[in-house]
Amino acid sequence: MRIAIIGTGYVGLVSGACFSDFGHDVVCVDKDEGKIAALDRGEMPIFEPGLDRLVARNVAAGRLSFTTAVADGVRGAEAIFIAVGTPSRRGDGHADLSYVYGAAREIAALLDGPVVVVTKSTVPVGTGDEVERILHEVAPDAVVAVVSNPEFLREGAAIEDFKHPDRIVIGAEDDRAVEIMREIYRPLYLNKAPLLFTSRRTAELTKYAANAFLATKITFINEIADLCEAVGGEVQDVAAASAWMDGSARNSSTPAPAMAALAFRRTRWRCSRRRRMRTRRCASSRRW
């Protein structure tokens, strides 16, 4: 299957490299000429263990290429993934969707056949509806479906997470789009990776729910770390044992032991900071 990836940031590049390793023909598109030139030289713009070898292998096999021309990627593609950045806007902190909508407009103007447009970027609920509106506004006769396929990748383990996911969430409203997405992820489905098909808005919300749940877990384990310090417990052991007892503990977020280590480091910093503050208060009282 021919796939275009719009955006070669962390999500776009890892996704493109992994899809090509599944056997798909992938074209990664980015307007940054310097980044594309570096990728053509085999230089990665991000650090991810094994990514350089994965890219080199699939470029050599002719399944992966890079370009600055959106038309070269869109032409003949059966699926187009939008994986551009959605930075927070200054002032209100809302996600800046201008890159997503701009990509949708460029794609629409170049469509030459039936295609599935997939939002891979982290976007607010309802973004897919607006992307669909833009596509039909610019290309009213185009046969196009819009799908939400959020990513759940951890930096430093993104390739492993992509190739061995604990779930693949696909939000689609069109039967043909469902079949296209099923075919794209078929190599993972054969490995028993669960494909979860939902409505598009449900998929968009799932990404935010997962992020919020991760933040909740980190906050919780930090509190447990404080409690462990107070009673003489080991936070790493508590976290590992809790995950062992709860079969649902494994998900796309950072594993509990790793969170515990992070929490432990933060807790030690907080405790040393509290000790320094107490020392300063004592010294100040002595000076007075």
Protein backbone atom coordinates (compact mmCIF):
# COMPACT_ATOMS: atom_id res chain seq x y z
CA MET A 1 0.00 0.00 0.00
CA ARG A 2 1.22 3.50 -0.78
CA ILE A 3 1.23 5.82 2.23
CA ALA A 4 2.14 9.50 2.60
CA ILE A 5 3.25 10.95 5.93
CA ILE A 6 2.94 14.74 6.22
CA GLY A 7 5.49 15.87 8.81
CA THR A 8 8.78 14.22 9.76
CA GLY A 9 8.86 15.07 13.44
CA TYR A 10 9.00 12.44 16.14
CA VAL A 11 5.66 10.80 15.36
CA GLY A 12 5.82 11.19 11.58
CA LEU A 13 9.33 9.85 11.12
CA VAL A 14 8.91 6.88 13.45
CA SER A 15 5.53 6.03 11.91
CA GLY A 16 6.86 6.30 8.36
CA ALA A 17 9.90 4.14 9.10
CA CYS A 18 7.80 1.47 10.82
CA PHE A 19 5.10 1.42 8.14
CA SER A 20 7.77 0.94 5.47
CA ASP A 21 9.25 -1.88 7.53
CA PHE A 22 5.80 -3.54 7.37
CA GLY A 23 6.22 -3.62 3.58
CA HIS A 24 4.26 -0.48 2.61
CA ASP A 25 5.63 2.12 0.21
CA VAL A 26 5.99 5.30 2.28
CA VAL A 27 6.80 8.87 1.27
CA CYS A 28 7.57 11.26 4.15
CA VAL A 29 6.94 14.92 3.39
CA ASP A 30 8.32 17.95 5.19
CA LYS A 31 8.72 21.58 4.13
CA ASP A 32 12.01 21.88 6.01
CA GLU A 33 14.54 21.45 3.20
CA GLY A 34 17.42 21.07 5.64
CA LYS A 35 15.69 18.24 7.47
CA ILE A 36 14.87 16.38 4.24
CA ALA A 37 18.44 16.82 2.98
CA ALA A 38 19.75 15.42 6.27
CA LEU A 39 17.38 12.45 6.09
CA ASP A 40 18.53 11.74 2.54
CA ARG A 41 22.08 11.61 3.94
CA GLY A 42 20.95 9.20 6.62
CA GLU A 43 21.12 11.77 9.43
CA MET A 44 18.25 11.59 11.92
CA PRO A 45 16.75 14.87 13.22
CA ILE A 46 15.80 13.14 16.49
CA PHE A 47 17.42 10.55 18.72
CA GLU A 48 15.58 7.27 18.90
CA PRO A 49 17.49 4.01 19.41
CA GLY A 50 17.55 1.98 16.22
CA LEU A 51 15.78 4.59 14.08
CA ASP A 52 18.80 5.30 11.87
CA ARG A 53 19.21 1.61 11.02
CA LEU A 54 15.48 1.19 10.43
CA VAL A 55 15.40 4.16 8.07
CA ALA A 56 18.57 3.09 6.23
CA ARG A 57 17.26 -0.45 5.70
CA ASN A 58 13.96 0.66 4.21
CA VAL A 59 15.48 3.44 2.09
CA ALA A 60 17.86 0.86 0.65
CA ALA A 61 14.92 -1.45 -0.05
CA GLY A 62 13.13 1.35 -1.92
CA ARG A 63 10.15 1.40 0.42
CA LEU A 64 10.91 4.72 2.15
CA SER A 65 11.68 8.11 0.65
CA PHE A 66 11.68 11.77 1.67
CA THR A 67 10.59 14.89 -0.16
CA THR A 68 9.66 18.53 0.33
CA ALA A 69 6.98 18.34 -2.37
CA VAL A 70 3.55 17.51 -1.00
CA ALA A 71 2.39 16.52 -4.49
CA ASP A 72 5.03 13.77 -4.68
CA GLY A 73 3.69 12.24 -1.49
CA VAL A 74 -0.02 12.65 -2.13
CA ARG A 75 0.03 11.43 -5.73
CA GLY A 76 -1.29 7.87 -5.82
CA ALA A 77 -1.44 7.52 -2.04
CA GLU A 78 -4.18 5.34 -0.58
CA ALA A 79 -3.69 6.76 2.92
CA ILE A 80 -2.27 10.12 3.99
CA PHE A 81 -1.23 10.60 7.61
CA ILE A 82 -1.10 14.13 9.00
CA ALA A 83 1.62 14.15 11.66
CA VAL A 84 2.47 17.85 11.90
CA GLY A 85 3.05 19.75 15.12
CA THR A 86 0.24 21.16 17.26
CA PRO A 87 2.11 23.52 19.61
CA SER A 88 0.33 25.45 22.35
CA ARG A 89 -0.75 28.93 21.29
CA ARG A 90 0.60 31.91 23.12
CA GLY A 91 -1.90 33.54 25.40
CA ASP A 92 -4.62 30.91 25.78
CA GLY A 93 -2.53 27.70 25.65
CA HIS A 94 -4.90 26.05 23.17
CA ALA A 95 -3.48 23.69 20.54
CA ASP A 96 -2.43 25.55 17.41
CA LEU A 97 -4.12 23.60 14.62
CA SER A 98 -3.01 25.86 11.78
CA TYR A 99 -0.46 23.29 10.57
CA VAL A 100 -3.08 20.52 10.58
CA TYR A 101 -5.62 22.61 8.68
CA GLY A 102 -2.96 23.94 6.31
CA ALA A 103 -1.88 20.36 5.52
CA ALA A 104 -5.52 19.40 4.90
CA ARG A 105 -5.94 22.26 2.39
CA GLU A 106 -2.78 21.32 0.52
CA ILE A 107 -3.77 17.66 0.43
CA ALA A 108 -7.27 18.44 -0.84
CA ALA A 109 -5.94 20.48 -3.76
CA LEU A 110 -3.80 17.53 -4.91
CA LEU A 111 -6.14 14.57 -4.52
CA ASP A 112 -6.30 12.35 -7.60
CA GLY A 113 -8.33 9.40 -6.36
CA PRO A 114 -10.04 7.79 -3.36
CA VAL A 115 -8.00 8.29 -0.21
CA VAL A 116 -8.14 8.04 3.57
CA VAL A 117 -6.75 11.04 5.46
CA VAL A 118 -5.58 10.11 8.95
CA THR A 119 -4.86 12.54 11.77
CA LYS A 120 -1.90 11.19 13.74
CA SER A 121 -1.18 14.47 15.51
CA THR A 122 -2.56 15.04 19.01
CA VAL A 123 -5.61 17.19 18.35
CA PRO A 124 -8.68 18.37 20.30
CA VAL A 125 -11.96 16.54 19.93
CA GLY A 126 -13.75 17.63 16.76
CA THR A 127 -10.61 18.37 14.74
CA GLY A 128 -11.40 15.51 12.37
CA ASP A 129 -14.76 17.11 11.62
CA GLU A 130 -13.06 20.35 10.59
CA VAL A 131 -10.44 18.50 8.53
CA GLU A 132 -13.27 16.71 6.72
CA ARG A 133 -15.06 20.02 6.10
CA ILE A 134 -11.89 21.58 4.66
CA LEU A 135 -11.26 18.62 2.37
CA HIS A 136 -14.77 18.74 0.95
CA GLU A 137 -14.69 22.51 0.70
CA VAL A 138 -11.51 22.52 -1.38
CA ALA A 139 -12.29 19.30 -3.30
CA PRO A 140 -16.08 18.83 -3.23
CA ASP A 141 -15.97 15.86 -5.62
CA ALA A 142 -13.16 13.99 -3.85
CA VAL A 143 -13.79 10.53 -2.44
CA VAL A 144 -12.12 10.97 0.92
CA ALA A 145 -12.64 9.71 4.45
CA VAL A 146 -11.09 11.17 7.61
CA VAL A 147 -9.82 8.91 10.37
CA SER A 148 -8.33 9.55 13.81
CA ASN A 149 -5.41 7.28 14.75
CA PRO A 150 -3.74 8.68 17.89
CA GLU A 151 -0.20 7.64 18.79
CA PHE A 152 0.95 6.24 22.13
CA LEU A 153 4.73 6.28 21.74
CA ARG A 154 7.32 6.73 24.47
CA GLU A 155 10.52 8.54 23.62
CA GLY A 156 13.38 6.08 23.68
CA ALA A 157 11.05 3.13 23.07
CA ALA A 158 8.98 4.44 20.16
CA ILE A 159 9.91 1.72 17.65
CA GLU A 160 9.17 -1.03 20.15
CA ASP A 161 5.88 0.65 21.09
CA PHE A 162 4.90 1.01 17.44
CA LYS A 163 5.71 -2.57 16.49
CA HIS A 164 4.42 -4.18 19.68
CA PRO A 165 1.52 -1.98 20.83
CA ASP A 166 -0.91 -3.00 23.52
CA ARG A 167 -3.70 -1.40 21.43
CA ILE A 168 -4.23 0.47 18.18
CA VAL A 169 -7.05 3.00 18.35
CA ILE A 170 -8.77 3.85 15.07
CA GLY A 171 -11.67 6.28 14.90
CA ALA A 172 -13.52 5.95 11.60
CA GLU A 173 -17.00 6.69 10.30
CA ASP A 174 -16.59 4.95 6.94
CA ASP A 175 -16.49 1.21 6.16
CA ARG A 176 -13.92 1.61 3.41
CA ALA A 177 -11.68 3.60 5.74
CA VAL A 178 -11.94 0.81 8.31
CA GLU A 179 -10.74 -1.74 5.75
CA ILE A 180 -7.86 0.49 4.63
CA MET A 181 -6.71 0.98 8.21
CA ARG A 182 -7.06 -2.72 8.92
CA GLU A 183 -4.82 -3.48 5.93
CA ILE A 184 -2.23 -0.89 6.98
CA TYR A 185 -1.92 -2.46 10.43
CA ARG A 186 -2.38 -6.04 9.22
CA PRO A 187 1.17 -7.12 10.20
CA LEU A 188 0.46 -6.09 13.79
CA TYR A 189 -3.00 -7.63 13.77
CA LEU A 190 -1.42 -10.95 12.80
CA ASN A 191 0.72 -10.59 15.94
CA LYS A 192 -2.49 -10.28 18.00
CA ALA A 193 -2.19 -6.54 18.60
CA PRO A 194 -5.76 -5.42 19.37
CA LEU A 195 -7.35 -3.07 16.85
CA LEU A 196 -9.93 -0.92 18.61
CA PHE A 197 -12.37 0.67 16.18
CA THR A 198 -14.35 3.59 17.55
CA SER A 199 -16.04 6.74 16.36
CA ARG A 200 -13.66 9.49 15.28
CA ARG A 201 -14.43 11.74 18.24
CA THR A 202 -14.00 8.85 20.66
CA ALA A 203 -10.51 8.18 19.27
CA GLU A 204 -9.57 11.85 19.60
CA LEU A 205 -10.78 11.89 23.21
CA THR A 206 -8.96 8.63 23.98
CA LYS A 207 -5.58 10.30 23.42
CA TYR A 208 -6.39 13.05 25.93
CA ALA A 209 -7.81 10.53 28.38
CA ALA A 210 -4.60 8.47 28.16
CA ASN A 211 -2.45 11.57 28.73
CA ALA A 212 -4.59 12.61 31.70
CA PHE A 213 -4.42 9.12 33.17
CA LEU A 214 -0.62 9.13 32.87
CA ALA A 215 -0.47 12.48 34.69
CA THR A 216 -2.75 11.05 37.39
CA LYS A 217 -0.49 8.01 37.82
CA ILE A 218 2.63 10.15 38.10
CA THR A 219 0.96 12.41 40.66
CA PHE A 220 -0.23 9.38 42.61
CA ILE A 221 3.16 7.63 42.67
CA ASN A 222 4.79 10.88 43.81
CA GLU A 223 2.42 10.92 46.78
CA ILE A 224 3.24 7.26 47.47
CA ALA A 225 6.93 8.19 47.34
CA ASP A 226 6.35 10.79 50.07
CA LEU A 227 4.48 8.21 52.13
CA CYS A 228 7.27 5.65 51.63
CA GLU A 229 9.81 8.15 52.89
CA ALA A 230 7.68 8.84 55.94
CA VAL A 231 7.23 5.18 56.91
CA GLY A 232 10.50 3.73 55.61
CA GLY A 233 9.12 1.94 52.54
CA GLU A 234 10.69 1.52 49.08
CA VAL A 235 8.67 3.29 46.41
CA GLN A 236 10.13 1.19 43.57
CA ASP A 237 8.99 -2.00 45.26
CA VAL A 238 5.54 -0.60 46.01
CA ALA A 239 5.08 0.48 42.39
CA ALA A 240 6.33 -2.82 40.98
CA ALA A 241 4.17 -4.86 43.36
CA SER A 242 1.10 -2.75 42.59
CA ALA A 243 1.60 -3.30 38.86
CA TRP A 244 2.08 -7.03 39.49
CA MET A 245 -1.21 -7.24 41.34
CA ASP A 246 -3.11 -5.18 38.79
CA GLY A 247 -3.14 -6.79 35.37
CA SER A 248 -4.47 -3.58 33.84
CA ALA A 249 -1.41 -1.60 34.94
CA ARG A 250 0.39 -2.03 31.64
CA ASN A 251 -0.67 0.54 29.08
CA SER A 252 0.91 3.02 26.72
CA SER A 253 2.15 5.23 29.50
CA THR A 254 5.43 4.93 31.35
CA PRO A 255 5.62 1.62 33.29
CA ALA A 256 5.08 1.88 37.03
CA PRO A 257 8.69 1.03 38.03
CA ALA A 258 10.02 3.71 35.71
CA MET A 259 7.48 6.18 37.07
CA ALA A 260 8.56 5.23 40.55
CA ALA A 261 12.18 5.95 39.73
CA LEU A 262 11.17 9.32 38.31
CA ALA A 263 9.03 10.00 41.35
CA PHE A 264 11.83 8.91 43.65
CA ARG A 265 14.26 11.35 42.07
CA ARG A 266 11.70 14.14 42.34
CA THR A 267 10.93 13.21 45.92
CA ARG A 268 14.61 13.27 46.88
CA TRP A 269 14.87 16.72 45.28
CA ARG A 270 11.81 17.93 47.17
CA CYS A 271 13.12 16.50 50.45
CA SER A 272 16.57 18.00 50.01
CA ARG A 273 14.89 21.29 49.12
CA ARG A 274 12.79 21.11 52.30
CA ARG A 275 15.93 20.39 54.35
CA ARG A 276 17.70 23.37 52.78
CA MET A 277 14.70 25.58 53.54
CA ARG A 278 14.62 24.37 57.16
CA THR A 279 18.36 25.02 57.45
CA ARG A 280 17.93 28.53 56.06
CA ARG A 281 15.08 29.23 58.53
CA CYS A 282 17.22 28.00 61.45
CA ALA A 283 20.19 30.05 60.33
CA SER A 284 17.93 33.08 59.91
CA SER A 285 16.55 32.68 63.41
CA ARG A 286 20.05 32.40 64.80
CA ARG A 287 21.06 35.61 63.02
CA TRP A 288 18.12 37.42 64.62
